[in-house]
N, C-alpha and C. Protein backbone atom coordinates (compact mmCIF):
# COMPACT_ATOMS: atom_id res chain seq x y z
N MET A 1 -21.71 -3.02 17.72
CA MET A 1 -21.78 -2.46 16.53
C MET A 1 -21.80 -0.84 16.68
N ARG A 2 -22.39 -0.55 17.80
CA ARG A 2 -22.46 0.95 18.01
C ARG A 2 -21.06 1.63 18.11
N ALA A 3 -20.16 0.88 18.74
CA ALA A 3 -18.83 1.40 18.96
C ALA A 3 -18.02 1.61 17.68
N ASP A 4 -18.40 0.63 16.63
CA ASP A 4 -17.78 0.86 15.29
C ASP A 4 -18.37 2.13 14.65
N LEU A 5 -19.62 2.43 14.81
CA LEU A 5 -20.12 3.53 14.20
C LEU A 5 -19.67 4.91 14.72
N ARG A 6 -19.44 4.94 15.97
CA ARG A 6 -18.86 6.13 16.66
C ARG A 6 -17.40 6.44 16.08
N LYS A 7 -16.68 5.38 15.88
CA LYS A 7 -15.33 5.57 15.36
C LYS A 7 -15.23 6.21 14.08
N PHE A 8 -16.28 5.97 13.18
CA PHE A 8 -16.20 6.59 11.81
C PHE A 8 -16.89 7.96 11.74
N THR A 9 -17.73 8.31 12.69
CA THR A 9 -18.37 9.60 12.70
C THR A 9 -17.74 10.60 13.54
N ALA A 10 -16.69 10.40 14.09
CA ALA A 10 -15.94 11.23 14.92
C ALA A 10 -15.00 12.32 14.19
N GLY A 11 -14.65 12.07 12.96
CA GLY A 11 -13.62 12.92 12.24
C GLY A 11 -14.27 13.56 10.93
N PHE A 12 -13.35 14.30 10.26
CA PHE A 12 -13.71 14.81 9.00
C PHE A 12 -13.50 13.86 7.82
N THR A 13 -14.26 14.00 6.67
CA THR A 13 -14.04 13.22 5.64
C THR A 13 -12.98 13.86 4.71
N LEU A 14 -12.57 13.18 3.83
CA LEU A 14 -11.62 13.65 2.82
C LEU A 14 -12.24 14.83 1.93
N ILE A 15 -13.42 14.70 1.73
CA ILE A 15 -14.13 15.71 0.86
C ILE A 15 -14.24 17.02 1.61
N GLU A 16 -14.55 16.89 2.93
CA GLU A 16 -14.67 18.08 3.78
C GLU A 16 -13.31 18.76 3.86
N VAL A 17 -12.29 18.03 3.99
CA VAL A 17 -10.88 18.64 4.16
C VAL A 17 -10.61 19.36 2.82
N LEU A 18 -10.78 18.69 1.72
CA LEU A 18 -10.49 19.31 0.40
C LEU A 18 -11.34 20.60 0.13
N VAL A 19 -12.49 20.66 0.57
CA VAL A 19 -13.37 21.86 0.41
C VAL A 19 -12.80 22.94 1.39
N ALA A 20 -12.36 22.60 2.53
CA ALA A 20 -11.82 23.57 3.38
C ALA A 20 -10.43 24.24 2.84
N LEU A 21 -9.73 23.27 2.25
CA LEU A 21 -8.41 23.72 1.62
C LEU A 21 -8.77 24.65 0.41
N ILE A 22 -9.68 24.30 -0.34
CA ILE A 22 -10.02 25.23 -1.45
C ILE A 22 -10.43 26.65 -0.93
N VAL A 23 -11.36 26.69 0.01
CA VAL A 23 -11.76 27.87 0.55
C VAL A 23 -10.61 28.80 1.09
N VAL A 24 -9.72 28.09 1.81
CA VAL A 24 -8.54 28.89 2.44
C VAL A 24 -7.68 29.21 1.30
N GLY A 25 -7.39 28.48 0.42
CA GLY A 25 -6.62 28.86 -0.76
C GLY A 25 -7.08 30.05 -1.55
N LEU A 26 -8.37 30.02 -1.90
CA LEU A 26 -8.99 31.26 -2.57
C LEU A 26 -8.92 32.50 -1.74
N GLY A 27 -9.09 32.35 -0.38
CA GLY A 27 -8.91 33.48 0.50
C GLY A 27 -7.53 34.01 0.54
N MET A 28 -6.53 33.15 0.44
CA MET A 28 -4.98 33.58 0.47
C MET A 28 -4.73 34.20 -0.85
N LEU A 29 -5.22 33.69 -2.03
CA LEU A 29 -5.07 34.19 -3.26
C LEU A 29 -5.53 35.74 -3.26
N ALA A 30 -6.71 35.94 -2.75
CA ALA A 30 -7.30 37.27 -2.67
C ALA A 30 -6.36 38.18 -1.88
N VAL A 31 -5.88 37.70 -0.78
CA VAL A 31 -4.95 38.55 0.07
C VAL A 31 -3.67 38.80 -0.62
N ILE A 32 -3.09 37.83 -1.37
CA ILE A 32 -1.86 38.06 -2.08
C ILE A 32 -2.04 39.09 -3.21
N GLN A 33 -3.17 39.02 -3.95
CA GLN A 33 -3.40 40.01 -4.99
C GLN A 33 -3.57 41.31 -4.41
N THR A 34 -4.30 41.48 -3.21
CA THR A 34 -4.35 42.87 -2.69
C THR A 34 -3.05 43.47 -2.28
N VAL A 35 -2.24 42.61 -1.67
CA VAL A 35 -0.93 43.12 -1.20
C VAL A 35 -0.14 43.46 -2.38
N SER A 36 -0.21 42.72 -3.46
CA SER A 36 0.72 43.02 -4.61
C SER A 36 0.24 44.25 -5.30
N GLN A 37 -1.11 44.40 -5.33
CA GLN A 37 -1.63 45.64 -5.96
C GLN A 37 -1.24 46.88 -5.09
N THR A 38 -1.24 46.77 -3.80
CA THR A 38 -0.85 47.93 -2.92
C THR A 38 0.65 48.20 -3.06
N ALA A 39 1.33 47.18 -3.23
CA ALA A 39 2.85 47.46 -3.46
C ALA A 39 3.07 48.12 -4.83
N ASN A 40 2.29 47.68 -5.85
CA ASN A 40 2.49 48.41 -7.17
C ASN A 40 2.13 49.82 -7.11
N THR A 41 0.92 50.06 -6.36
CA THR A 41 0.47 51.50 -6.33
C THR A 41 1.44 52.34 -5.49
N THR A 42 1.99 51.76 -4.47
CA THR A 42 2.98 52.56 -3.58
C THR A 42 4.10 52.82 -4.53
N SER A 43 4.66 51.98 -5.16
CA SER A 43 5.86 52.15 -6.02
C SER A 43 5.57 53.18 -7.14
N TYR A 44 4.37 53.18 -7.77
CA TYR A 44 4.01 54.19 -8.69
C TYR A 44 3.87 55.59 -8.00
N ILE A 45 3.31 55.67 -6.95
CA ILE A 45 3.23 56.93 -6.31
C ILE A 45 4.65 57.48 -5.85
N ARG A 46 5.48 56.61 -5.40
CA ARG A 46 6.90 57.00 -5.10
C ARG A 46 7.52 57.57 -6.36
N ASP A 47 7.55 56.80 -7.53
CA ASP A 47 8.04 57.24 -8.70
C ASP A 47 7.60 58.60 -9.23
N LYS A 48 6.23 58.69 -9.15
CA LYS A 48 5.53 59.94 -9.58
C LYS A 48 5.98 61.09 -8.63
N SER A 49 6.04 60.94 -7.42
CA SER A 49 6.49 62.04 -6.60
C SER A 49 8.00 62.40 -6.79
N ILE A 50 8.89 61.44 -7.04
CA ILE A 50 10.21 61.79 -7.40
C ILE A 50 10.42 62.52 -8.68
N ALA A 51 9.59 62.11 -9.66
CA ALA A 51 9.54 62.65 -10.99
C ALA A 51 9.13 64.20 -10.83
N HIS A 52 8.08 64.41 -10.09
CA HIS A 52 7.67 65.74 -9.81
C HIS A 52 8.67 66.58 -9.15
N TRP A 53 9.36 66.01 -8.20
CA TRP A 53 10.51 66.75 -7.55
C TRP A 53 11.65 67.19 -8.64
N VAL A 54 11.91 66.21 -9.61
CA VAL A 54 12.89 66.47 -10.71
C VAL A 54 12.36 67.69 -11.53
N ALA A 55 11.12 67.66 -11.78
CA ALA A 55 10.50 68.70 -12.65
C ALA A 55 10.54 70.07 -11.91
N MET A 56 10.24 70.08 -10.53
CA MET A 56 10.17 71.30 -9.77
C MET A 56 11.59 71.73 -9.68
N ASN A 57 12.61 70.92 -9.51
CA ASN A 57 14.01 71.36 -9.42
C ASN A 57 14.44 72.08 -10.63
N GLN A 58 14.12 71.55 -11.70
CA GLN A 58 14.58 72.04 -13.04
C GLN A 58 13.96 73.33 -13.36
N LEU A 59 12.58 73.52 -13.04
CA LEU A 59 11.82 74.78 -13.15
C LEU A 59 12.48 75.78 -12.19
N THR A 60 12.81 75.37 -11.08
CA THR A 60 13.29 76.34 -9.99
C THR A 60 14.69 76.82 -10.53
N GLN A 61 15.50 75.95 -11.07
CA GLN A 61 16.83 76.34 -11.44
C GLN A 61 16.75 77.36 -12.61
N VAL A 62 15.76 77.20 -13.52
CA VAL A 62 15.55 78.09 -14.67
C VAL A 62 15.12 79.48 -14.16
N ARG A 63 14.16 79.34 -13.24
CA ARG A 63 13.59 80.72 -12.70
C ARG A 63 14.58 81.54 -11.82
N LEU A 64 15.56 80.88 -11.30
CA LEU A 64 16.59 81.58 -10.46
C LEU A 64 17.73 82.27 -11.40
N GLN A 65 17.71 81.92 -12.60
CA GLN A 65 18.76 82.59 -13.55
C GLN A 65 18.45 84.03 -13.69
N PRO A 66 19.58 84.75 -13.74
CA PRO A 66 19.31 86.21 -13.87
C PRO A 66 18.72 86.71 -15.29
N ASN A 67 18.85 85.89 -16.24
CA ASN A 67 18.47 86.16 -17.60
C ASN A 67 17.28 85.25 -18.06
N ALA A 68 16.35 85.72 -18.81
CA ALA A 68 15.27 84.86 -19.20
C ALA A 68 15.71 83.71 -20.08
N PRO A 69 15.32 82.45 -19.97
CA PRO A 69 15.71 81.37 -20.77
C PRO A 69 15.28 81.63 -22.28
N PRO A 70 16.13 81.05 -23.21
CA PRO A 70 15.80 81.23 -24.66
C PRO A 70 14.54 80.35 -25.06
N VAL A 71 13.78 80.84 -25.90
CA VAL A 71 12.61 80.17 -26.45
C VAL A 71 13.22 78.93 -27.27
N ASP A 72 13.15 77.71 -26.64
CA ASP A 72 13.77 76.59 -27.17
C ASP A 72 13.29 75.26 -26.42
N LYS A 73 13.64 74.11 -26.88
CA LYS A 73 13.39 72.86 -26.26
C LYS A 73 14.68 72.13 -25.93
N SER A 74 14.79 71.64 -24.62
CA SER A 74 16.06 71.08 -24.18
C SER A 74 15.73 69.89 -23.38
N SER A 75 16.76 69.01 -23.20
CA SER A 75 16.53 67.78 -22.43
C SER A 75 17.85 67.39 -21.78
N ASP A 76 17.73 66.63 -20.76
CA ASP A 76 18.91 66.07 -20.13
C ASP A 76 18.53 65.06 -19.07
N GLU A 77 19.54 64.43 -18.57
CA GLU A 77 19.30 63.45 -17.59
C GLU A 77 19.83 63.83 -16.19
N VAL A 78 19.12 63.34 -15.13
CA VAL A 78 19.66 63.70 -13.83
C VAL A 78 19.36 62.29 -12.93
N LYS A 79 20.21 62.21 -11.92
CA LYS A 79 19.96 61.04 -10.98
C LYS A 79 19.40 61.49 -9.71
N MET A 80 18.24 60.95 -9.33
CA MET A 80 17.68 61.26 -8.02
C MET A 80 17.04 59.97 -7.41
N ALA A 81 17.29 59.81 -6.22
CA ALA A 81 16.80 58.56 -5.40
C ALA A 81 17.21 57.32 -5.94
N GLY A 82 18.38 57.32 -6.51
CA GLY A 82 18.96 56.04 -6.98
C GLY A 82 18.49 55.60 -8.39
N ARG A 83 17.93 56.69 -9.10
CA ARG A 83 17.34 56.17 -10.37
C ARG A 83 17.74 57.40 -11.31
N ASP A 84 17.70 57.01 -12.57
CA ASP A 84 18.14 57.94 -13.65
C ASP A 84 16.68 58.51 -14.36
N TRP A 85 16.60 59.91 -14.36
CA TRP A 85 15.45 60.39 -14.95
C TRP A 85 15.78 61.33 -16.02
N ARG A 86 14.97 61.47 -16.98
CA ARG A 86 15.12 62.29 -18.16
C ARG A 86 14.11 63.35 -18.11
N TRP A 87 14.48 64.68 -18.08
CA TRP A 87 13.62 65.74 -18.13
C TRP A 87 13.58 66.46 -19.49
N THR A 88 12.51 66.94 -19.96
CA THR A 88 12.43 67.71 -21.27
C THR A 88 11.77 69.01 -20.87
N MET A 89 12.35 70.12 -21.25
CA MET A 89 11.88 71.37 -20.94
C MET A 89 11.61 72.18 -22.32
N GLU A 90 10.50 72.73 -22.30
CA GLU A 90 10.13 73.64 -23.48
C GLU A 90 9.80 75.07 -23.07
N VAL A 91 10.47 76.03 -23.57
CA VAL A 91 10.22 77.40 -23.20
C VAL A 91 9.45 78.03 -24.35
N LYS A 92 8.33 78.63 -24.01
CA LYS A 92 7.55 79.27 -25.14
C LYS A 92 7.33 80.73 -24.81
N GLN A 93 7.26 81.61 -25.78
CA GLN A 93 6.85 82.98 -25.66
C GLN A 93 5.39 83.09 -25.43
N THR A 94 4.96 83.95 -24.45
CA THR A 94 3.60 84.20 -24.19
C THR A 94 3.20 85.58 -24.91
N PRO A 95 1.89 85.85 -24.93
CA PRO A 95 1.54 87.20 -25.65
C PRO A 95 2.17 88.40 -24.87
N VAL A 96 2.44 88.22 -23.56
CA VAL A 96 3.14 89.31 -22.92
C VAL A 96 4.63 89.18 -23.17
N GLU A 97 5.30 90.17 -23.72
CA GLU A 97 6.57 90.18 -24.18
C GLU A 97 7.62 89.70 -22.99
N SER A 98 7.31 90.16 -21.81
CA SER A 98 8.32 89.96 -20.74
C SER A 98 8.05 88.66 -20.00
N ILE A 99 7.15 87.72 -20.41
CA ILE A 99 6.77 86.56 -19.76
C ILE A 99 7.09 85.40 -20.74
N ARG A 100 7.77 84.35 -20.23
CA ARG A 100 7.84 83.00 -20.80
C ARG A 100 7.25 81.89 -20.19
N ARG A 101 6.65 81.03 -20.89
CA ARG A 101 6.02 79.74 -20.30
C ARG A 101 7.01 78.68 -20.37
N ILE A 102 7.17 78.05 -19.16
CA ILE A 102 8.14 76.87 -19.08
C ILE A 102 7.38 75.58 -18.80
N GLU A 103 7.53 74.69 -19.63
CA GLU A 103 6.90 73.36 -19.54
C GLU A 103 7.97 72.33 -19.36
N VAL A 104 7.91 71.59 -18.20
CA VAL A 104 8.90 70.44 -17.86
C VAL A 104 8.17 69.15 -17.77
N SER A 105 8.67 68.17 -18.51
CA SER A 105 8.05 66.85 -18.35
C SER A 105 9.21 65.83 -17.95
N VAL A 106 8.86 64.89 -17.15
CA VAL A 106 10.00 63.98 -16.55
C VAL A 106 9.40 62.52 -16.69
N ARG A 107 10.39 61.72 -17.10
CA ARG A 107 10.13 60.33 -17.13
C ARG A 107 11.37 59.50 -16.76
N PRO A 108 11.07 58.25 -16.31
CA PRO A 108 12.36 57.44 -16.08
C PRO A 108 13.17 57.40 -17.35
N SER A 109 14.54 57.31 -17.24
CA SER A 109 15.41 57.32 -18.45
C SER A 109 15.14 56.14 -19.38
N ASP A 110 14.66 55.09 -18.78
CA ASP A 110 14.48 53.82 -19.65
C ASP A 110 13.09 53.72 -20.17
N ALA A 111 12.13 54.63 -19.90
CA ALA A 111 10.76 54.71 -20.38
C ALA A 111 10.77 55.21 -21.83
N PRO A 112 9.70 54.88 -22.53
CA PRO A 112 9.64 55.50 -23.90
C PRO A 112 9.60 56.91 -23.99
N GLU A 113 9.98 57.55 -25.05
CA GLU A 113 10.04 58.94 -25.19
C GLU A 113 8.92 59.79 -25.01
N LYS A 114 7.71 59.24 -25.54
CA LYS A 114 6.45 59.92 -25.41
C LYS A 114 5.79 59.91 -24.06
N SER A 115 6.38 59.00 -23.24
CA SER A 115 5.70 58.92 -21.87
C SER A 115 6.11 60.01 -20.90
N SER A 116 5.29 60.24 -19.89
CA SER A 116 5.62 61.26 -18.96
C SER A 116 5.05 60.80 -17.58
N LEU A 117 5.84 60.87 -16.51
CA LEU A 117 5.48 60.53 -15.27
C LEU A 117 5.01 61.84 -14.42
N ALA A 118 5.59 63.06 -14.83
CA ALA A 118 5.30 64.20 -14.20
C ALA A 118 5.37 65.35 -15.14
N TYR A 119 4.43 66.33 -15.03
CA TYR A 119 4.43 67.57 -15.88
C TYR A 119 4.16 68.69 -15.15
N VAL A 120 5.16 69.81 -15.26
CA VAL A 120 4.87 70.95 -14.43
C VAL A 120 5.12 72.12 -15.46
N THR A 121 4.29 73.21 -15.18
CA THR A 121 4.20 74.41 -15.91
C THR A 121 4.55 75.48 -15.03
N GLY A 122 5.43 76.44 -15.40
CA GLY A 122 5.79 77.65 -14.80
C GLY A 122 5.94 78.80 -15.61
N PHE A 123 6.32 79.96 -15.08
CA PHE A 123 6.47 81.20 -15.87
C PHE A 123 7.75 81.87 -15.40
N TYR A 124 8.52 82.55 -16.36
CA TYR A 124 9.61 83.24 -15.99
C TYR A 124 9.29 84.72 -16.57
N GLY A 125 9.29 85.83 -15.80
CA GLY A 125 9.08 87.12 -16.41
C GLY A 125 9.39 88.24 -15.48
N THR A 126 9.11 89.45 -15.96
CA THR A 126 9.35 90.62 -15.26
C THR A 126 8.00 91.59 -15.30
N ALA A 127 6.79 90.88 -15.41
CA ALA A 127 5.55 91.67 -15.55
C ALA A 127 5.18 92.38 -14.18
N VAL A 128 5.71 91.84 -13.09
CA VAL A 128 5.33 92.36 -11.76
C VAL A 128 6.43 93.33 -11.47
N ALA A 129 6.24 94.59 -11.00
CA ALA A 129 7.24 95.55 -10.65
C ALA A 129 7.98 95.17 -9.47
N PRO A 130 9.16 95.42 -9.36
CA PRO A 130 9.91 95.13 -8.11
C PRO A 130 9.36 95.96 -6.99
N ALA A 131 9.60 95.60 -5.70
CA ALA A 131 9.38 96.33 -4.54
C ALA A 131 9.83 97.80 -4.61
N GLY A 132 8.98 98.66 -4.25
CA GLY A 132 9.38 100.14 -4.19
C GLY A 132 9.19 100.92 -5.48
N MET A 133 8.66 100.18 -6.50
CA MET A 133 8.48 100.87 -7.82
C MET A 133 7.13 101.32 -7.79
N THR A 134 6.78 102.40 -8.62
CA THR A 134 5.53 102.97 -8.81
C THR A 134 4.69 102.03 -9.65
N VAL A 135 3.44 101.59 -9.15
CA VAL A 135 2.71 100.69 -9.95
C VAL A 135 1.52 101.34 -10.48
N VAL A 136 0.82 102.25 -9.87
CA VAL A 136 -0.44 102.81 -10.26
C VAL A 136 -0.22 104.43 -10.31
N SER A 137 -0.89 104.92 -11.28
CA SER A 137 -0.84 106.48 -11.44
C SER A 137 -2.35 106.92 -11.62
N TRP A 138 -2.75 107.74 -10.66
CA TRP A 138 -4.05 108.46 -10.78
C TRP A 138 -3.91 109.96 -10.99
N LYS A 139 -4.56 110.42 -12.02
CA LYS A 139 -4.60 111.82 -12.35
C LYS A 139 -3.18 112.45 -12.35
N GLY A 140 -2.25 111.57 -12.93
CA GLY A 140 -0.82 112.15 -12.96
C GLY A 140 -0.06 112.02 -11.62
N ASN A 141 -0.77 111.80 -10.51
CA ASN A 141 0.00 111.63 -9.28
C ASN A 141 0.38 110.22 -8.98
N LYS A 142 1.51 109.98 -8.85
CA LYS A 142 1.96 108.50 -8.68
C LYS A 142 1.79 108.13 -7.18
N GLN A 143 1.31 106.87 -6.98
CA GLN A 143 1.12 106.25 -5.68
C GLN A 143 1.78 104.91 -5.63
N GLN A 144 2.19 104.49 -4.37
CA GLN A 144 2.73 103.13 -4.28
C GLN A 144 1.64 102.23 -4.26
N GLY A 145 1.84 101.00 -4.69
CA GLY A 145 0.90 99.87 -4.84
C GLY A 145 0.35 99.55 -3.40
N GLY A 146 -0.92 98.92 -3.45
CA GLY A 146 -1.48 98.36 -2.16
C GLY A 146 -1.97 99.51 -1.23
N GLY A 147 -2.63 99.05 -0.19
CA GLY A 147 -2.88 100.07 0.94
C GLY A 147 -4.40 100.45 0.87
N GLY A 148 -5.08 100.65 -0.38
CA GLY A 148 -6.37 101.06 -0.42
C GLY A 148 -7.31 100.01 -0.20
N ARG A 149 -8.57 100.33 0.25
CA ARG A 149 -9.70 99.33 0.36
C ARG A 149 -10.33 99.08 -0.98
N GLN A 150 -10.91 97.97 -1.19
CA GLN A 150 -11.66 97.74 -2.44
C GLN A 150 -12.87 98.53 -2.54
N GLY A 151 -12.98 99.22 -3.68
CA GLY A 151 -14.05 100.00 -3.95
C GLY A 151 -13.87 101.45 -3.56
N GLU A 152 -12.74 101.70 -2.94
CA GLU A 152 -12.53 103.08 -2.47
C GLU A 152 -11.91 103.87 -3.57
N ARG A 153 -12.41 105.15 -3.65
CA ARG A 153 -11.98 105.98 -4.88
C ARG A 153 -10.51 106.42 -4.61
N PRO A 154 -9.73 106.50 -5.56
CA PRO A 154 -8.32 106.91 -5.35
C PRO A 154 -8.36 108.43 -4.91
N ARG A 155 -7.37 108.81 -4.18
CA ARG A 155 -7.27 110.15 -3.61
C ARG A 155 -5.98 110.75 -4.11
N ASP A 156 -5.93 112.02 -4.20
CA ASP A 156 -4.79 112.78 -4.61
C ASP A 156 -3.86 112.89 -3.24
N SER A 157 -2.73 112.14 -3.25
CA SER A 157 -2.04 111.93 -2.03
C SER A 157 -1.46 113.28 -1.41
N GLU A 158 -1.36 114.32 -2.30
CA GLU A 158 -0.73 115.56 -1.74
C GLU A 158 -1.84 116.48 -1.14
N SER A 159 -3.04 116.52 -1.77
CA SER A 159 -4.03 117.36 -1.35
C SER A 159 -4.92 116.93 -0.25
N GLU A 160 -5.22 115.68 -0.41
CA GLU A 160 -6.36 115.03 0.53
C GLU A 160 -5.64 114.23 1.56
N PRO A 161 -5.90 114.43 2.87
CA PRO A 161 -5.41 113.69 3.91
C PRO A 161 -6.06 112.36 3.88
N PRO A 162 -5.49 111.29 4.49
CA PRO A 162 -6.11 110.06 4.53
C PRO A 162 -7.33 110.00 5.40
N PRO A 163 -8.26 109.28 5.10
CA PRO A 163 -9.52 109.29 6.00
C PRO A 163 -9.18 108.83 7.37
N GLN A 164 -9.82 109.46 8.40
CA GLN A 164 -9.49 109.10 9.78
C GLN A 164 -10.52 107.98 10.24
N GLN A 165 -9.91 107.06 10.78
CA GLN A 165 -10.73 105.92 11.38
C GLN A 165 -10.45 105.89 12.76
N THR A 166 -11.60 105.94 13.48
CA THR A 166 -11.50 105.90 15.00
C THR A 166 -11.69 104.46 15.39
N PRO A 167 -10.91 103.99 16.44
CA PRO A 167 -11.01 102.65 16.86
C PRO A 167 -12.39 102.52 17.56
N LEU A 168 -12.85 101.31 17.48
CA LEU A 168 -14.12 100.84 18.01
C LEU A 168 -13.87 100.33 19.44
N GLU A 169 -14.82 100.63 20.30
CA GLU A 169 -14.91 100.27 21.74
C GLU A 169 -15.38 98.80 21.73
N PRO A 170 -14.93 97.94 22.71
CA PRO A 170 -15.46 96.62 22.69
C PRO A 170 -17.00 96.65 22.81
N GLY A 171 -17.71 95.81 22.06
CA GLY A 171 -19.17 95.70 22.00
C GLY A 171 -19.84 96.80 21.13
N GLU A 172 -19.06 97.71 20.61
CA GLU A 172 -19.64 98.79 19.74
C GLU A 172 -19.93 98.18 18.33
N PRO A 173 -21.01 98.42 17.83
CA PRO A 173 -21.36 97.80 16.41
C PRO A 173 -20.44 98.36 15.25
N VAL A 174 -20.25 97.60 14.37
CA VAL A 174 -19.36 98.01 13.17
C VAL A 174 -20.11 98.81 12.26
N PRO A 175 -19.99 100.13 11.92
CA PRO A 175 -20.80 100.95 11.12
C PRO A 175 -20.70 100.25 9.60
N SER A 176 -21.87 100.30 9.00
CA SER A 176 -21.98 99.80 7.53
C SER A 176 -21.72 100.90 6.68
N ASP A 177 -21.23 100.51 5.45
CA ASP A 177 -20.98 101.44 4.40
C ASP A 177 -22.35 101.96 3.82
N PRO A 178 -22.45 103.21 3.51
CA PRO A 178 -23.86 103.66 2.90
C PRO A 178 -23.93 102.94 1.47
N GLU A 179 -25.29 102.83 1.21
CA GLU A 179 -25.55 102.26 -0.04
C GLU A 179 -25.19 103.12 -1.21
N PRO A 180 -24.78 102.57 -2.35
CA PRO A 180 -24.34 103.39 -3.45
C PRO A 180 -25.55 104.02 -3.99
N PRO A 181 -25.43 105.25 -4.63
CA PRO A 181 -26.58 105.92 -5.28
C PRO A 181 -27.27 105.05 -6.27
N ASN A 182 -28.44 105.22 -6.63
CA ASN A 182 -29.20 104.42 -7.58
C ASN A 182 -29.27 102.97 -7.30
N ALA A 183 -29.10 102.62 -5.93
CA ALA A 183 -29.23 101.19 -5.63
C ALA A 183 -30.61 101.02 -5.22
N GLY A 184 -31.44 100.28 -5.98
CA GLY A 184 -32.67 99.91 -5.66
C GLY A 184 -32.83 98.52 -5.01
N PRO A 185 -34.02 98.06 -4.79
CA PRO A 185 -34.19 96.75 -4.23
C PRO A 185 -33.80 95.66 -5.28
N GLU A 186 -33.27 94.56 -4.83
CA GLU A 186 -32.81 93.53 -5.74
C GLU A 186 -34.07 92.85 -6.20
N SER A 187 -34.01 92.45 -7.46
CA SER A 187 -35.23 91.75 -7.98
C SER A 187 -34.83 90.34 -8.33
């Protein structure tokens, strides 16, 4: 009889096999859901990046034009990365007369009209003077922009020579600026 008992105790029961299959099935279901979610996220990020490129391309094309874009709303389709995209651009006037605000929104062409996958804002204008133009005027004497240190008083370029700065020797301490007048201890 002992030989008969060993024969039945050496394997798995049907219940144990079913429990093991259920555990493995639940584990596989979790892995499949994670892989699916990762694929969806990757696809969304890819589409969002391409839509952003479409918006940046449109904004760059407008900014490279020699004339300011008209204050208006426009829309068109473009193909990029094997898909059709619809961009909508709105040009608005800003409080500064020479600057216009450009807003570009992009969506897949088959998406609802109110949806947007990318949104970019830029400006077109002539508020900054071109290189070589006079930017600042002190006491009627015109100076070229840049060059001064922060907090330095403007100087008359014709009557005052530029301040002399002597180079420091290695290991020499850097001199500190004197304290401004009426500067008391901080409270």
